[in-house]
Structure formats: structure tokens, C-alpha cells
């Protein structure tokens, strides 16, 4: 990297990873989280086409994790290929397009998240305002894609559902048509977590 380009990239990267105020500080004086962010920043100095990161968010507080995530999303949008090894699955949700799941040193599942998430059973939280009995009847009649229903609190249901977004849309439509008023519908875990839980359980079984 030539001198002029290097200076510009240093300025941009320090700003992007929220380290500009520590520019003159020795590395040993930085917190562990700051050193982690600095490590990612210096890896980007030569504008690589592929970025390989091992647990990049392991030492970061929630604010720093959000900044790192936003930075990586920006680089992804600009065409950088990013490969991340991590056991902190929520950090990968919304960032990864494809996933490879390893268990016992072997790759047990790999592919585009949307494709394998459609096959994974996921748990959804559904809050119903009134007409909870109507909702319960819809769940009972929904068919084989719905495997279990729990009611941990009045008006709140947890349902284990196969079929991905299409199945969720069909269930919501059935609830509305039967007169249930919904205030909240959301997965209890990210698609990556659901895929891992299902894949790992299958492997152990």
C-alpha cells in the first residue's frame, strides 16, 4: 500500500472502528475490546478480497459489537467476501448468507441459510390479545407442520413449527381469519440458532 493510500485508509479505518480518539495510544494501553477492533481494522489495510475472522466479537461490549456488525455489513455490501468462525450465533444472524455447522470436528450441515432454515423446526412466540381460545383451536387444527404448542403465560403461545416463513405466514393467516387479534409474532431464536439446534440434535441422535 503506497504512503498516500495508507494514510487515508488509516484515518478511515480508525474512524470506522471507533478508534480515532486512541490514535496516539500504545497498543498495550488499549482495552481487550479495542485491541480486537484494531486487529480487524489492520486486516483491512490492504483492501483484501476475502476476510477470514475467528471469533471477532468475543471481547466486545454490546455497543462495540453493533459497530463491528455495521462495519462488516458495509464491507459485505461493497463485495468483500467475509468468512467468520464463531460460536456466538446471534452475532451472525442477519450477517451471514450461508452457514457451515461443525460438530465433533465434522461438517454436519452446510448451505444457504434460507434453504436449510426452511427445513429446520423453529419456535415462534405469538401474543394474542383476547380470543386466546380461538387461537388455541387454530393451533390444534393447523396440521403436521405444527409439532407442539405451549402457553407459558395468558395470551402468549410458543409453537414449534416446520416449513420456515411460508408456514409462519399460513399460521398467521389462519389465526386472523378465525378472529384472533395478534400483537406480536416473532421467532424465539435466529434462523442460524434453529438450524444449529436441529442439526446438532440430529447428529447426537
Protein backbone atom coordinates (compact mmCIF):
# COMPACT_ATOMS: atom_id res chain seq x y z
CA UNK A 1 0.00 0.00 0.00
CA UNK A 2 1.58 3.29 -1.04
CA UNK A 3 2.12 6.06 1.54
CA UNK A 4 -0.74 8.31 0.41
CA UNK A 5 -3.28 5.47 0.28
CA UNK A 6 -2.06 4.05 3.58
CA UNK A 7 -2.61 7.36 5.41
CA UNK A 8 -6.13 7.71 4.01
CA UNK A 9 -7.02 4.14 4.94
CA UNK A 10 -5.63 4.50 8.45
CA UNK A 11 -7.79 7.59 9.00
CA UNK A 12 -10.89 5.91 7.58
CA UNK A 13 -10.44 2.64 9.47
CA UNK A 14 -9.73 4.28 12.82
CA UNK A 15 -12.92 6.30 12.37
CA UNK A 16 -14.97 3.33 11.19
CA UNK A 17 -13.95 1.17 14.15
CA UNK A 18 -14.32 4.00 16.70
CA UNK A 19 -10.57 4.18 17.48
CA UNK A 20 -9.73 7.67 16.22
CA UNK A 21 -9.56 9.07 19.76
CA UNK A 22 -6.92 6.43 20.63
CA UNK A 23 -4.71 7.14 17.64
CA UNK A 24 -1.65 8.09 19.74
CA UNK A 25 -2.15 5.45 22.43
CA UNK A 26 0.23 2.46 22.63
CA UNK A 27 -1.48 -0.84 21.85
CA UNK A 28 -0.70 -2.23 25.32
CA UNK A 29 -2.79 0.61 26.80
CA UNK A 30 -5.90 -0.36 24.85
CA UNK A 31 -8.66 -2.47 26.31
CA UNK A 32 -9.10 -6.01 25.04
CA UNK A 33 -12.15 -4.96 23.02
CA UNK A 34 -10.26 -2.08 21.42
CA UNK A 35 -7.39 -4.40 20.50
CA UNK A 36 -9.92 -6.75 18.94
CA UNK A 37 -11.34 -3.95 16.80
CA UNK A 38 -7.84 -2.78 15.91
CA UNK A 39 -6.99 -6.29 14.75
CA UNK A 40 -9.93 -6.30 12.35
CA UNK A 41 -9.10 -2.79 11.13
CA UNK A 42 -5.46 -3.56 10.35
CA UNK A 43 -6.53 -6.69 8.48
CA UNK A 44 -8.44 -4.42 6.09
CA UNK A 45 -5.49 -2.10 5.38
CA UNK A 46 -4.58 -3.69 2.04
CA UNK A 47 -8.24 -3.94 0.85
CA UNK A 48 -8.43 -7.75 0.73
CA UNK A 49 -10.98 -9.60 -1.39
CA UNK A 50 -11.52 -12.23 1.35
CA UNK A 51 -11.61 -11.57 5.09
CA UNK A 52 -11.26 -14.52 7.50
CA UNK A 53 -12.25 -13.75 11.11
CA UNK A 54 -12.08 -16.05 14.14
CA UNK A 55 -14.49 -15.01 16.94
CA UNK A 56 -14.25 -11.30 16.02
CA UNK A 57 -16.81 -10.18 18.64
CA UNK A 58 -15.68 -12.34 21.56
CA UNK A 59 -14.21 -9.48 23.64
CA UNK A 60 -16.59 -6.69 22.63
CA UNK A 61 -19.30 -4.99 24.66
CA UNK A 62 -22.78 -4.71 23.07
CA UNK A 63 -22.12 -1.24 21.61
CA UNK A 64 -18.83 -2.31 20.05
CA UNK A 65 -20.45 -5.47 18.67
CA UNK A 66 -23.09 -3.37 16.94
CA UNK A 67 -20.41 -1.12 15.42
CA UNK A 68 -18.41 -4.11 14.21
CA UNK A 69 -21.53 -5.68 12.74
CA UNK A 70 -22.43 -2.45 10.91
CA UNK A 71 -18.88 -2.17 9.56
CA UNK A 72 -18.90 -5.77 8.32
CA UNK A 73 -22.31 -5.28 6.69
CA UNK A 74 -20.89 -2.25 4.89
CA UNK A 75 -17.90 -4.23 3.60
CA UNK A 76 -20.19 -7.09 2.60
CA UNK A 77 -22.35 -4.66 0.60
CA UNK A 78 -19.20 -3.48 -1.18
CA UNK A 79 -18.45 -7.02 -2.31
CA UNK A 80 -15.98 -8.26 0.31
CA UNK A 81 -16.22 -12.00 0.99
CA UNK A 82 -16.26 -12.48 4.78
CA UNK A 83 -15.76 -15.88 6.43
CA UNK A 84 -16.43 -15.94 10.18
CA UNK A 85 -15.76 -18.73 12.66
CA UNK A 86 -17.92 -18.16 15.74
CA UNK A 87 -19.92 -19.92 18.44
CA UNK A 88 -21.85 -16.71 19.24
CA UNK A 89 -24.68 -17.47 16.84
CA UNK A 90 -26.82 -14.32 17.37
CA UNK A 91 -23.88 -12.23 16.13
CA UNK A 92 -24.13 -13.98 12.77
CA UNK A 93 -27.90 -13.55 12.37
CA UNK A 94 -28.66 -11.10 9.60
CA UNK A 95 -25.00 -11.01 8.58
CA UNK A 96 -24.33 -14.46 7.10
CA UNK A 97 -25.80 -15.64 3.79
CA UNK A 98 -24.55 -19.21 4.17
CA UNK A 99 -23.54 -21.34 7.11
CA UNK A 100 -21.46 -24.43 7.78
CA UNK A 101 -22.14 -26.21 11.09
CA UNK A 102 -19.42 -28.31 12.68
CA UNK A 103 -19.95 -30.83 15.44
CA UNK A 104 -17.30 -33.20 16.75
CA UNK A 105 -14.79 -31.95 14.20
CA UNK A 106 -17.02 -32.75 11.22
CA UNK A 107 -19.11 -30.55 8.94
CA UNK A 108 -22.65 -31.80 9.53
CA UNK A 109 -24.64 -29.17 7.61
CA UNK A 110 -23.77 -26.51 5.05
CA UNK A 111 -25.63 -24.31 2.61
CA UNK A 112 -27.57 -21.09 2.15
CA UNK A 113 -29.31 -20.10 5.39
CA UNK A 114 -32.71 -19.62 3.75
CA UNK A 115 -32.61 -23.10 2.24
CA UNK A 116 -31.61 -25.02 5.34
CA UNK A 117 -33.69 -22.82 7.68
CA UNK A 118 -36.79 -23.83 5.72
CA UNK A 119 -36.14 -27.43 6.80
CA UNK A 120 -35.37 -26.59 10.43
CA UNK A 121 -38.04 -26.67 13.09
CA UNK A 122 -38.20 -23.27 14.77
CA UNK A 123 -40.04 -21.94 17.81
CA UNK A 124 -42.19 -18.83 17.39
CA UNK A 125 -43.64 -16.61 20.10
CA UNK A 126 -47.18 -15.42 19.38
CA UNK A 127 -49.02 -12.95 21.61
CA UNK A 128 -52.80 -12.88 21.28
CA UNK A 129 -54.92 -10.01 22.62
CA UNK A 130 -58.17 -11.64 23.60
CA UNK A 131 -59.72 -14.64 21.84
CA UNK A 132 -56.96 -16.93 23.13
CA UNK A 133 -59.39 -19.86 22.89
CA UNK A 134 -59.82 -19.22 19.15
CA UNK A 135 -56.04 -19.19 18.75
CA UNK A 136 -55.74 -22.49 20.63
CA UNK A 137 -58.28 -24.10 18.27
CA UNK A 138 -56.35 -22.84 15.23
CA UNK A 139 -53.16 -24.42 16.61
CA UNK A 140 -54.98 -27.71 17.21
CA UNK A 141 -56.30 -27.76 13.62
CA UNK A 142 -53.21 -26.49 11.81
CA UNK A 143 -51.79 -29.82 10.75
CA UNK A 144 -48.48 -31.70 10.75
CA UNK A 145 -46.22 -28.65 10.31
CA UNK A 146 -47.05 -27.57 13.88
CA UNK A 147 -45.39 -30.02 16.28
CA UNK A 148 -46.02 -28.55 19.73
CA UNK A 149 -47.79 -25.67 21.41
CA UNK A 150 -47.11 -24.22 24.84
CA UNK A 151 -48.80 -21.38 26.72
CA UNK A 152 -46.25 -20.01 29.23
CA UNK A 153 -48.48 -17.04 30.12
CA UNK A 154 -52.07 -15.91 29.42
CA UNK A 155 -52.31 -14.84 25.80
CA UNK A 156 -48.76 -15.93 24.96
CA UNK A 157 -48.12 -19.06 22.92
CA UNK A 158 -44.92 -20.78 21.86
CA UNK A 159 -45.28 -23.00 18.80
CA UNK A 160 -42.74 -25.37 17.23
CA UNK A 161 -43.17 -25.08 13.50
CA UNK A 162 -41.65 -26.67 10.39
CA UNK A 163 -41.64 -25.03 6.98
CA UNK A 164 -39.95 -21.67 7.52
CA UNK A 165 -41.57 -18.33 6.54
CA UNK A 166 -44.29 -19.96 4.40
CA UNK A 167 -45.58 -21.95 7.37
CA UNK A 168 -45.50 -18.87 9.62
CA UNK A 169 -47.48 -16.85 7.06
CA UNK A 170 -50.07 -19.61 6.75
CA UNK A 171 -50.44 -19.87 10.54
CA UNK A 172 -50.84 -16.09 10.97
CA UNK A 173 -53.42 -16.02 8.17
CA UNK A 174 -55.38 -18.84 9.83
CA UNK A 175 -55.32 -17.04 13.19
CA UNK A 176 -56.55 -13.75 11.71
CA UNK A 177 -59.30 -15.42 9.68
CA UNK A 178 -60.55 -17.12 12.85
CA UNK A 179 -60.76 -13.77 14.66
CA UNK A 180 -57.61 -13.87 16.81
CA UNK A 181 -56.02 -10.45 17.39
CA UNK A 182 -52.23 -10.71 17.29
CA UNK A 183 -49.92 -8.17 18.92
CA UNK A 184 -46.60 -9.99 18.42
CA UNK A 185 -45.24 -12.75 16.20
CA UNK A 186 -41.50 -13.45 16.23
CA UNK A 187 -39.04 -16.33 16.23
CA UNK A 188 -37.69 -17.15 19.68
CA UNK A 189 -34.25 -17.61 18.13
CA UNK A 190 -32.49 -16.67 14.92
CA UNK A 191 -32.58 -18.93 11.86
CA UNK A 192 -28.93 -19.83 12.45
CA UNK A 193 -29.65 -20.91 16.04
CA UNK A 194 -32.61 -23.02 14.89
CA UNK A 195 -30.52 -24.69 12.19
CA UNK A 196 -27.70 -25.41 14.64
CA UNK A 197 -30.00 -26.79 17.32
CA UNK A 198 -31.76 -29.09 14.86
CA UNK A 199 -28.56 -30.20 13.12
CA UNK A 200 -26.65 -30.83 16.35
CA UNK A 201 -29.58 -32.74 17.86
CA UNK A 202 -29.79 -34.94 14.76
CA UNK A 203 -26.04 -35.59 14.88
CA UNK A 204 -26.13 -36.58 18.56
CA UNK A 205 -29.15 -38.83 17.99
